[in-house]
Amino acid sequence: MIKVAVAGCCGRMGSSVVNAVQNAEDLTLVCGIDPYASEVSYPVYSDIQEALDHETFDVLVDFTH
C-alpha cells in the first residue's frame, strides 16, 4: 500500500483527490493538510510540518495555491 497525504484536502480539487485515494485499492489515505479544514473522517493537520510530526506517508499530493 502506498500511504498518501493530501494538502488542500478540503478544497474542490483536494476533495476529489481524497475520494480517488480512498477508492483506490493500492492507496491508503493517511491524512489531510488544510488550515481551513471542515469536519472529515480522517486526520487533518493545519500545516505540513504538523503532519510530518504525527504521520508517516510515502506521497504528498499538493492542491494548495
C-alpha atoms as a PDB file:
ATOM      1  CA  MET A   1       0.000   0.000   0.000  1.00  0.00           C
ATOM      2  CA  ILE A   2       1.127   3.497  -0.808  1.00  0.00           C
ATOM      3  CA  LYS A   3       0.448   5.907   2.055  1.00  0.00           C
ATOM      4  CA  VAL A   4      -0.851   9.279   0.827  1.00  0.00           C
ATOM      5  CA  ALA A   5      -1.301  12.715   2.422  1.00  0.00           C
ATOM      6  CA  VAL A   6      -3.316  15.405   0.629  1.00  0.00           C
ATOM      7  CA  ALA A   7      -2.532  19.087   1.150  1.00  0.00           C
ATOM      8  CA  GLY A   8      -5.596  21.216   0.436  1.00  0.00           C
ATOM      9  CA  CYS A   9      -7.822  18.239   1.226  1.00  0.00           C
ATOM     10  CA  CYS A  10     -10.956  20.307   1.853  1.00  0.00           C
ATOM     11  CA  GLY A  11     -10.817  22.296  -1.383  1.00  0.00           C
ATOM     12  CA  ARG A  12     -12.630  21.378  -4.589  1.00  0.00           C
ATOM     13  CA  MET A  13      -9.725  19.531  -6.245  1.00  0.00           C
ATOM     14  CA  GLY A  14      -8.265  18.259  -2.982  1.00  0.00           C
ATOM     15  CA  SER A  15     -11.598  16.645  -2.094  1.00  0.00           C
ATOM     16  CA  SER A  16     -11.581  14.891  -5.467  1.00  0.00           C
ATOM     17  CA  VAL A  17      -8.072  13.579  -4.808  1.00  0.00           C
ATOM     18  CA  VAL A  18      -9.128  12.366  -1.350  1.00  0.00           C
ATOM     19  CA  ASN A  19     -12.063  10.473  -2.890  1.00  0.00           C
ATOM     20  CA  ALA A  20      -9.825   8.932  -5.559  1.00  0.00           C
ATOM     21  CA  VAL A  21      -7.282   7.799  -2.960  1.00  0.00           C
ATOM     22  CA  GLN A  22      -9.996   6.351  -0.719  1.00  0.00           C
ATOM     23  CA  ASN A  23     -11.440   4.400  -3.664  1.00  0.00           C
ATOM     24  CA  ALA A  24      -8.106   3.064  -4.937  1.00  0.00           C
ATOM     25  CA  GLU A  25      -7.184  -0.463  -3.929  1.00  0.00           C
ATOM     26  CA  ASP A  26      -3.445   0.217  -3.727  1.00  0.00           C
ATOM     27  CA  LEU A  27      -3.553   3.567  -1.871  1.00  0.00           C
ATOM     28  CA  THR A  28      -4.261   4.488   1.747  1.00  0.00           C
ATOM     29  CA  LEU A  29      -5.216   7.993   2.830  1.00  0.00           C
ATOM     30  CA  VAL A  30      -3.109   8.747   5.904  1.00  0.00           C
ATOM     31  CA  CYS A  31      -4.114  12.359   6.489  1.00  0.00           C
ATOM     32  CA  GLY A  32      -5.123  15.669   5.049  1.00  0.00           C
ATOM     33  CA  ILE A  33      -3.448  19.038   5.440  1.00  0.00           C
ATOM     34  CA  ASP A  34      -5.643  22.136   5.415  1.00  0.00           C
ATOM     35  CA  PRO A  35      -5.716  25.121   7.780  1.00  0.00           C
ATOM     36  CA  TYR A  36      -9.403  25.663   6.879  1.00  0.00           C
ATOM     37  CA  ALA A  37     -10.483  22.050   7.380  1.00  0.00           C
ATOM     38  CA  SER A  38     -14.076  21.140   7.933  1.00  0.00           C
ATOM     39  CA  GLU A  39     -15.092  18.008   9.788  1.00  0.00           C
ATOM     40  CA  VAL A  40     -13.906  14.888   7.926  1.00  0.00           C
ATOM     41  CA  SER A  41     -13.439  11.215   8.749  1.00  0.00           C
ATOM     42  CA  TYR A  42      -9.618  11.204   8.618  1.00  0.00           C
ATOM     43  CA  PRO A  43      -6.888  13.101  10.478  1.00  0.00           C
ATOM     44  CA  VAL A  44      -6.313  16.667   9.238  1.00  0.00           C
ATOM     45  CA  TYR A  45      -3.393  18.881  10.209  1.00  0.00           C
ATOM     46  CA  SER A  46      -3.080  22.633   9.765  1.00  0.00           C
ATOM     47  CA  ASP A  47       0.337  22.513   8.071  1.00  0.00           C
ATOM     48  CA  ILE A  48       2.817  20.105   6.509  1.00  0.00           C
ATOM     49  CA  GLN A  49       5.233  20.170   9.433  1.00  0.00           C
ATOM     50  CA  GLU A  50       2.485  19.135  11.843  1.00  0.00           C
ATOM     51  CA  ALA A  51       1.551  16.253   9.524  1.00  0.00           C
ATOM     52  CA  LEU A  52       5.191  15.145   9.294  1.00  0.00           C
ATOM     53  CA  ASP A  53       5.460  15.241  13.095  1.00  0.00           C
ATOM     54  CA  HIS A  54       2.436  12.930  13.532  1.00  0.00           C
ATOM     55  CA  GLU A  55       2.154  10.710  10.449  1.00  0.00           C
ATOM     56  CA  THR A  56       4.276   8.690   8.043  1.00  0.00           C
ATOM     57  CA  PHE A  57       3.402   8.824   4.345  1.00  0.00           C
ATOM     58  CA  ASP A  58       5.044   7.976   1.014  1.00  0.00           C
ATOM     59  CA  VAL A  59       3.385  10.595  -1.183  1.00  0.00           C
ATOM     60  CA  LEU A  60       2.200  14.155  -0.610  1.00  0.00           C
ATOM     61  CA  VAL A  61      -0.309  15.453  -3.152  1.00  0.00           C
ATOM     62  CA  ASP A  62      -0.358  19.262  -3.015  1.00  0.00           C
ATOM     63  CA  PHE A  63      -3.533  21.021  -4.181  1.00  0.00           C
ATOM     64  CA  THR A  64      -2.893  24.353  -2.488  1.00  0.00           C
ATOM     65  CA  HIS A  65      -2.399  27.782  -4.004  1.00  0.00           C
END
